[in-house]
Amino acid sequence: MNDRTMKAVLFDRFGGPEVLYVGRVPRPEPAPSEVLVRVRAFSVNGGEMAARSGRVRFLTGRKFPQRVGQDFAGEVAALGTGTTGVTVGDRVWGIVGRAGFRSAAEYVTVRPQRLGRVPDGLDLVTAAALPATGTTAVTALRDKAALRPGERLLVRGAAGGVGSAVVQLGKAYGAQVTALARAANLDFVRTLGAHHAVDHRTVSPAELGPFDVVVDAVGTDLRAFRRLRKPGGRMVALALDVKRPAASLGYLAASSVHGPGRVRYFAGNPVRADFDDLARHVAAGKLQPAVDTVFPLEETAAAHRALEAGGVRGKYVVRVD
């Protein structure tokens, strides 16, 4: 096989998980100040579902083939000229940033600031569950919500990838954590550190009581959950309504007129300092990857199908090698 090509997950039309296939594309070469990473595993993220289905084609465009994959864990394989801060052979995790999806492949090129070193003792397949979700959770609680010890924190979608990280970090920050999840996952979110675990199907938002911070990893009914904030409370939205992404963006933009009371939303674009902070939490035992199932590369479509079916505990990870 020509070593100038590599395996990658592609799709040639918008649709369900069945449109995904493993094909071959040119292997990237690191440009000046770039890093080539041999990908060992990546995780499946919700934003890829919307891109693959065409619901955000106004952002992704209509040129095919398109690719999937947002984050990854692997080893540094080569360095572009002038690249500093990493060494060939380093075990790293990272994210491709805002340049689309492309980490579902044997190799990926990134800027070194989009990388961090994987903590010692953490295998790369397990580590792949955290680059996107972990840095999102850190940014949400540390920067956007400025969570303080003793505050009441509500985590919606607590059993999922981002939610499971927010629950763990919320406890580590000293908050009283209430986790919303389906009934089958309540024991799981308790093991993550939730002080209270509530079946989201049996209560309405109005029954939950006021919170200092609300972190939403679902994306629907944002108005109802925004009303749960105490005076001076903060809400951070980490997901869009996958069925109505444009409407979700419109609501979040409109909420900005409320100033401090707005719903805070951000597109994850972590840098080295965020990965360093993530690694410190992992090394201290405050945050652990939550892996539901590991799929082989050829079954990436099955991983997408499982995520869309709901009920995930943590992350679905795809092993590349």
Protein backbone atom coordinates (compact mmCIF):
# COMPACT_ATOMS: atom_id res chain seq x y z
CA MET A 1 0.00 0.00 0.00
CA ASN A 2 1.25 3.46 -0.87
CA ASP A 3 2.63 4.93 2.36
CA ARG A 4 1.65 8.40 1.20
CA THR A 5 -1.98 7.58 1.91
CA MET A 6 -3.82 6.68 5.10
CA LYS A 7 -7.15 5.34 6.30
CA ALA A 8 -9.80 7.91 7.24
CA VAL A 9 -13.53 7.91 7.95
CA LEU A 10 -15.41 9.67 5.15
CA PHE A 11 -18.89 10.36 3.84
CA ASP A 12 -19.97 11.32 0.33
CA ARG A 13 -23.48 12.53 1.13
CA PHE A 14 -25.42 13.78 4.14
CA GLY A 15 -27.41 11.19 6.02
CA GLY A 16 -27.48 8.72 8.89
CA PRO A 17 -24.56 6.70 10.26
CA GLU A 18 -24.76 4.39 7.25
CA VAL A 19 -23.14 7.03 5.03
CA LEU A 20 -19.82 6.64 6.87
CA TYR A 21 -17.11 4.44 5.42
CA VAL A 22 -13.36 3.92 5.80
CA GLY A 23 -11.49 5.08 2.71
CA ARG A 24 -8.00 6.26 1.84
CA VAL A 25 -6.88 9.87 1.59
CA PRO A 26 -3.46 11.52 1.20
CA ARG A 27 -1.44 11.33 4.37
CA PRO A 28 -0.84 14.88 5.61
CA GLU A 29 2.63 16.35 5.98
CA PRO A 30 3.31 18.83 8.76
CA ALA A 31 3.69 22.39 7.54
CA PRO A 32 6.10 24.76 9.28
CA SER A 33 5.17 25.03 12.98
CA GLU A 34 2.85 22.00 12.76
CA VAL A 35 2.90 18.55 14.36
CA LEU A 36 2.06 15.24 12.70
CA VAL A 37 0.35 12.90 15.16
CA ARG A 38 -0.12 9.16 14.71
CA VAL A 39 -3.69 8.79 15.97
CA ARG A 40 -4.32 5.81 18.25
CA ALA A 41 -7.91 6.64 19.16
CA PHE A 42 -10.55 9.35 18.92
CA SER A 43 -13.95 9.89 20.50
CA VAL A 44 -17.37 10.43 18.93
CA ASN A 45 -18.85 13.88 19.64
CA GLY A 46 -22.34 15.27 19.20
CA GLY A 47 -21.33 17.99 16.78
CA GLU A 48 -20.29 15.35 14.27
CA MET A 49 -23.85 14.01 14.18
CA ALA A 50 -25.17 17.38 13.05
CA ALA A 51 -22.38 17.75 10.47
CA ARG A 52 -22.83 14.24 9.05
CA SER A 53 -26.61 14.62 8.78
CA GLY A 54 -26.35 17.99 7.02
CA ARG A 55 -28.13 19.98 9.70
CA VAL A 56 -25.23 22.44 9.84
CA ARG A 57 -24.36 22.45 6.15
CA PHE A 58 -24.48 26.24 6.35
CA LEU A 59 -21.22 25.85 8.30
CA THR A 60 -19.64 22.73 6.78
CA GLY A 61 -20.50 23.39 3.13
CA ARG A 62 -21.55 20.83 0.52
CA LYS A 63 -18.21 19.73 -0.91
CA PHE A 64 -17.54 15.98 -0.57
CA PRO A 65 -16.05 13.79 0.65
CA GLN A 66 -16.28 15.18 4.16
CA ARG A 67 -14.70 13.76 7.30
CA VAL A 68 -15.42 13.26 10.98
CA GLY A 69 -13.38 13.36 14.17
CA GLN A 70 -12.76 16.26 16.51
CA ASP A 71 -10.31 15.05 19.15
CA PHE A 72 -7.63 12.38 19.40
CA ALA A 73 -4.88 10.73 21.40
CA GLY A 74 -1.68 9.37 19.92
CA GLU A 75 2.06 9.91 19.47
CA VAL A 76 4.01 12.68 17.78
CA ALA A 77 5.25 11.20 14.49
CA ALA A 78 7.00 14.18 12.88
CA LEU A 79 7.55 17.91 13.29
CA GLY A 80 7.31 20.69 10.75
CA THR A 81 10.22 23.10 10.51
CA GLY A 82 10.35 25.53 13.39
CA THR A 83 8.04 23.51 15.64
CA THR A 84 8.90 23.73 19.33
CA GLY A 85 7.47 22.46 22.60
CA VAL A 86 7.00 18.81 21.57
CA THR A 87 9.27 15.93 20.61
CA VAL A 88 8.83 12.99 18.26
CA GLY A 89 7.50 10.09 20.32
CA ASP A 90 5.62 12.23 22.86
CA ARG A 91 2.27 10.79 23.96
CA VAL A 92 -0.23 13.57 23.29
CA TRP A 93 -3.91 14.35 23.18
CA GLY A 94 -5.52 17.23 21.39
CA ILE A 95 -8.23 18.69 19.22
CA VAL A 96 -8.27 19.86 15.61
CA GLY A 97 -9.80 23.19 16.61
CA ARG A 98 -12.24 25.09 14.44
CA ALA A 99 -10.85 23.81 11.15
CA GLY A 100 -13.59 21.19 10.73
CA PHE A 101 -13.56 17.47 11.50
CA ARG A 102 -10.64 15.24 10.51
CA SER A 103 -9.20 13.30 13.45
CA ALA A 104 -10.95 10.02 12.49
CA ALA A 105 -7.87 8.91 10.60
CA GLU A 106 -4.47 7.30 11.04
CA TYR A 107 -2.70 10.67 11.10
CA VAL A 108 -3.61 14.28 11.76
CA THR A 109 -1.66 17.54 11.61
CA VAL A 110 -2.23 20.26 14.22
CA ARG A 111 -0.58 23.29 15.69
CA PRO A 112 1.39 22.44 18.85
CA GLN A 113 -0.79 24.77 20.92
CA ARG A 114 -3.71 22.40 20.26
CA LEU A 115 -1.87 19.58 22.02
CA GLY A 116 -1.07 18.49 25.54
CA ARG A 117 0.87 15.59 27.02
CA VAL A 118 -1.14 12.59 28.18
CA PRO A 119 -0.58 11.95 31.90
CA ASP A 120 1.68 9.03 32.75
CA GLY A 121 -0.16 5.80 33.41
CA LEU A 122 -3.13 6.64 31.19
CA ASP A 123 -3.37 4.50 28.07
CA LEU A 124 -4.04 6.33 24.81
CA VAL A 125 -7.35 4.65 23.99
CA THR A 126 -8.81 5.63 27.36
CA ALA A 127 -7.23 9.07 27.12
CA ALA A 128 -9.13 9.76 23.87
CA ALA A 129 -12.33 10.18 25.91
CA LEU A 130 -11.14 13.46 27.41
CA PRO A 131 -9.55 16.02 25.04
CA ALA A 132 -12.80 17.63 23.85
CA THR A 133 -15.07 16.88 26.80
CA GLY A 134 -12.52 17.50 29.53
CA THR A 135 -11.31 20.84 28.23
CA THR A 136 -14.92 21.91 27.64
CA ALA A 137 -15.79 21.07 31.24
CA VAL A 138 -12.73 22.92 32.55
CA THR A 139 -13.53 26.02 30.49
CA ALA A 140 -17.21 25.95 31.45
CA LEU A 141 -16.65 25.77 35.20
CA ARG A 142 -13.38 27.67 35.54
CA ASP A 143 -13.91 30.51 33.06
CA LYS A 144 -17.55 30.82 32.04
CA ALA A 145 -19.31 29.99 35.31
CA ALA A 146 -16.48 30.82 37.76
CA LEU A 147 -17.84 28.07 40.01
CA ARG A 148 -17.09 28.58 43.70
CA PRO A 149 -16.96 26.12 46.61
CA GLY A 150 -20.32 25.61 48.28
CA GLU A 151 -22.40 26.71 45.28
CA ARG A 152 -25.26 24.61 43.96
CA LEU A 153 -24.52 23.20 40.51
CA LEU A 154 -27.09 21.57 38.21
CA VAL A 155 -25.69 19.39 35.42
CA ARG A 156 -28.11 18.46 32.66
CA GLY A 157 -27.08 15.51 30.49
CA ALA A 158 -24.85 14.38 33.35
CA ALA A 159 -24.16 10.85 32.09
CA GLY A 160 -22.81 11.91 28.69
CA GLY A 161 -19.27 12.80 27.72
CA VAL A 162 -19.22 16.46 28.74
CA GLY A 163 -21.73 16.00 31.55
CA SER A 164 -19.73 13.23 33.20
CA ALA A 165 -16.65 15.47 33.21
CA VAL A 166 -18.62 18.45 34.59
CA VAL A 167 -20.00 16.33 37.45
CA GLN A 168 -16.51 15.19 38.46
CA LEU A 169 -14.97 18.64 38.24
CA GLY A 170 -17.95 20.26 39.97
CA LYS A 171 -17.36 18.03 42.99
CA ALA A 172 -13.62 18.70 42.83
CA TYR A 173 -14.32 22.45 42.89
CA GLY A 174 -16.36 21.99 46.07
CA ALA A 175 -19.86 22.49 44.64
CA GLN A 176 -23.03 20.66 45.65
CA VAL A 177 -23.78 18.77 42.43
CA THR A 178 -27.23 17.79 41.22
CA ALA A 179 -27.11 15.54 38.17
CA LEU A 180 -29.97 15.06 35.70
CA ALA A 181 -29.89 11.79 33.76
CA ARG A 182 -32.17 8.95 32.70
CA ALA A 183 -33.14 6.45 35.39
CA ALA A 184 -30.75 3.74 34.16
CA ASN A 185 -27.79 6.10 34.61
CA LEU A 186 -28.50 7.50 38.08
CA ASP A 187 -26.15 5.11 39.86
CA PHE A 188 -23.48 5.92 37.28
CA VAL A 189 -23.62 9.68 37.92
CA ARG A 190 -23.51 9.03 41.65
CA THR A 191 -20.24 7.14 41.18
CA LEU A 192 -18.91 10.24 39.40
CA GLY A 193 -19.52 12.29 42.52
CA ALA A 194 -23.04 13.71 42.15
CA HIS A 195 -24.58 14.52 45.53
CA HIS A 196 -28.09 14.27 44.09
CA ALA A 197 -29.11 12.24 41.02
CA VAL A 198 -32.49 12.94 39.45
CA ASP A 199 -34.36 11.13 36.66
CA HIS A 200 -35.00 13.90 34.14
CA ARG A 201 -38.12 12.13 32.90
CA THR A 202 -39.93 12.28 36.24
CA VAL A 203 -39.50 15.95 37.18
CA SER A 204 -40.12 19.24 35.44
CA PRO A 205 -37.51 22.00 35.55
CA ALA A 206 -39.73 24.05 37.87
CA GLU A 207 -39.53 21.32 40.53
CA LEU A 208 -35.75 21.38 40.77
CA GLY A 209 -35.25 24.57 42.75
CA PRO A 210 -32.77 27.42 42.32
CA PHE A 211 -29.08 26.91 41.50
CA ASP A 212 -26.02 29.11 41.44
CA VAL A 213 -24.81 27.50 38.23
CA VAL A 214 -26.65 25.54 35.54
CA VAL A 215 -24.59 23.63 32.98
CA ASP A 216 -26.65 22.30 30.08
CA ALA A 217 -25.21 19.55 27.87
CA VAL A 218 -28.50 18.76 26.11
CA GLY A 219 -29.46 21.91 24.20
CA THR A 220 -33.27 21.82 24.38
CA ASP A 221 -35.64 23.88 26.59
CA LEU A 222 -32.94 26.39 27.46
CA ARG A 223 -35.49 29.00 28.53
CA ALA A 224 -36.98 26.70 31.17
CA PHE A 225 -33.60 25.83 32.66
CA ARG A 226 -32.42 29.42 32.55
CA ARG A 227 -35.22 30.26 35.00
CA LEU A 228 -33.64 27.97 37.63
CA ARG A 229 -30.79 30.37 38.34
CA LYS A 230 -30.62 32.17 41.66
CA PRO A 231 -30.12 35.95 41.53
CA GLY A 232 -26.59 36.34 40.27
CA GLY A 233 -26.60 32.77 39.00
CA ARG A 234 -24.93 31.70 35.76
CA MET A 235 -25.94 29.31 33.01
CA VAL A 236 -23.57 27.71 30.52
CA ALA A 237 -24.93 25.93 27.44
CA LEU A 238 -22.60 23.30 26.02
CA ALA A 239 -24.83 21.90 23.28
CA LEU A 240 -27.26 23.02 20.62
CA ASP A 241 -30.62 21.43 19.93
CA VAL A 242 -29.48 18.96 17.25
CA LYS A 243 -32.89 19.10 15.56
CA ARG A 244 -32.97 22.91 15.48
CA PRO A 245 -29.35 24.15 15.56
CA ALA A 246 -30.05 27.48 13.86
CA ALA A 247 -32.88 28.25 16.29
CA SER A 248 -30.63 27.36 19.23
CA LEU A 249 -27.95 29.72 18.01
CA GLY A 250 -30.57 32.42 17.57
CA TYR A 251 -31.77 32.04 21.16
CA LEU A 252 -28.25 32.14 22.55
CA ALA A 253 -27.51 35.29 20.55
CA ALA A 254 -30.74 36.91 21.76
CA SER A 255 -29.91 36.10 25.39
CA SER A 256 -26.85 38.35 25.16
CA VAL A 257 -29.12 41.38 25.72
CA HIS A 258 -29.47 40.19 29.33
CA GLY A 259 -25.83 41.00 30.06
CA PRO A 260 -24.68 39.10 33.18
CA GLY A 261 -27.90 37.06 33.04
CA ARG A 262 -27.23 35.77 29.54
CA VAL A 263 -26.78 32.13 28.69
CA ARG A 264 -23.07 31.63 28.19
CA TYR A 265 -22.13 29.54 25.15
CA PHE A 266 -18.76 28.88 23.58
CA ALA A 267 -17.28 26.72 20.86
CA GLY A 268 -14.49 24.65 22.35
CA ASN A 269 -11.11 25.79 21.07
CA PRO A 270 -8.67 24.79 23.83
CA VAL A 271 -5.01 25.71 23.92
CA ARG A 272 -1.96 24.21 25.66
CA ALA A 273 -2.78 25.76 29.04
CA ASP A 274 -6.22 24.11 29.00
CA PHE A 275 -4.70 20.70 28.26
CA ASP A 276 -2.16 21.24 31.03
CA ASP A 277 -4.98 22.04 33.46
CA LEU A 278 -6.85 18.96 32.29
CA ALA A 279 -3.78 16.77 32.85
CA ARG A 280 -3.33 18.16 36.37
CA HIS A 281 -6.92 17.22 37.28
CA VAL A 282 -6.40 13.72 35.91
CA ALA A 283 -3.06 13.25 37.67
CA ALA A 284 -4.63 14.41 40.96
CA GLY A 285 -7.44 11.86 40.62
CA LYS A 286 -10.12 14.56 40.35
CA LEU A 287 -11.16 13.64 36.81
CA GLN A 288 -11.10 10.25 35.14
CA PRO A 289 -12.07 9.32 31.59
CA ALA A 290 -15.45 7.60 31.39
CA VAL A 291 -15.42 5.16 28.45
CA ASP A 292 -18.65 3.38 27.60
CA THR A 293 -17.51 1.25 24.64
CA VAL A 294 -14.45 1.04 22.38
CA PHE A 295 -15.13 0.43 18.67
CA PRO A 296 -12.64 -0.48 15.92
CA LEU A 297 -12.15 2.06 13.15
CA GLU A 298 -14.22 0.02 10.70
CA GLU A 299 -17.21 0.31 13.06
CA THR A 300 -17.22 4.09 13.40
CA ALA A 301 -20.75 4.10 11.93
CA ALA A 302 -21.86 1.82 14.77
CA ALA A 303 -20.39 4.27 17.29
CA HIS A 304 -22.36 7.11 15.68
CA ARG A 305 -25.50 4.97 15.72
CA ALA A 306 -25.04 4.17 19.41
CA LEU A 307 -24.55 7.82 20.34
CA GLU A 308 -27.70 8.84 18.47
CA ALA A 309 -29.67 6.10 20.25
CA GLY A 310 -28.99 7.76 23.61
CA GLY A 311 -28.06 6.32 26.96
CA VAL A 312 -24.29 6.64 26.67
CA ARG A 313 -22.29 6.55 29.90
CA GLY A 314 -19.32 8.79 29.26
CA LYS A 315 -17.84 8.45 25.76
CA TYR A 316 -17.77 6.14 22.80
CA VAL A 317 -14.15 5.80 21.69
CA VAL A 318 -12.83 4.49 18.38
CA ARG A 319 -9.51 2.67 18.30
CA VAL A 320 -7.51 3.39 15.13
CA ASP A 321 -4.71 0.83 15.29
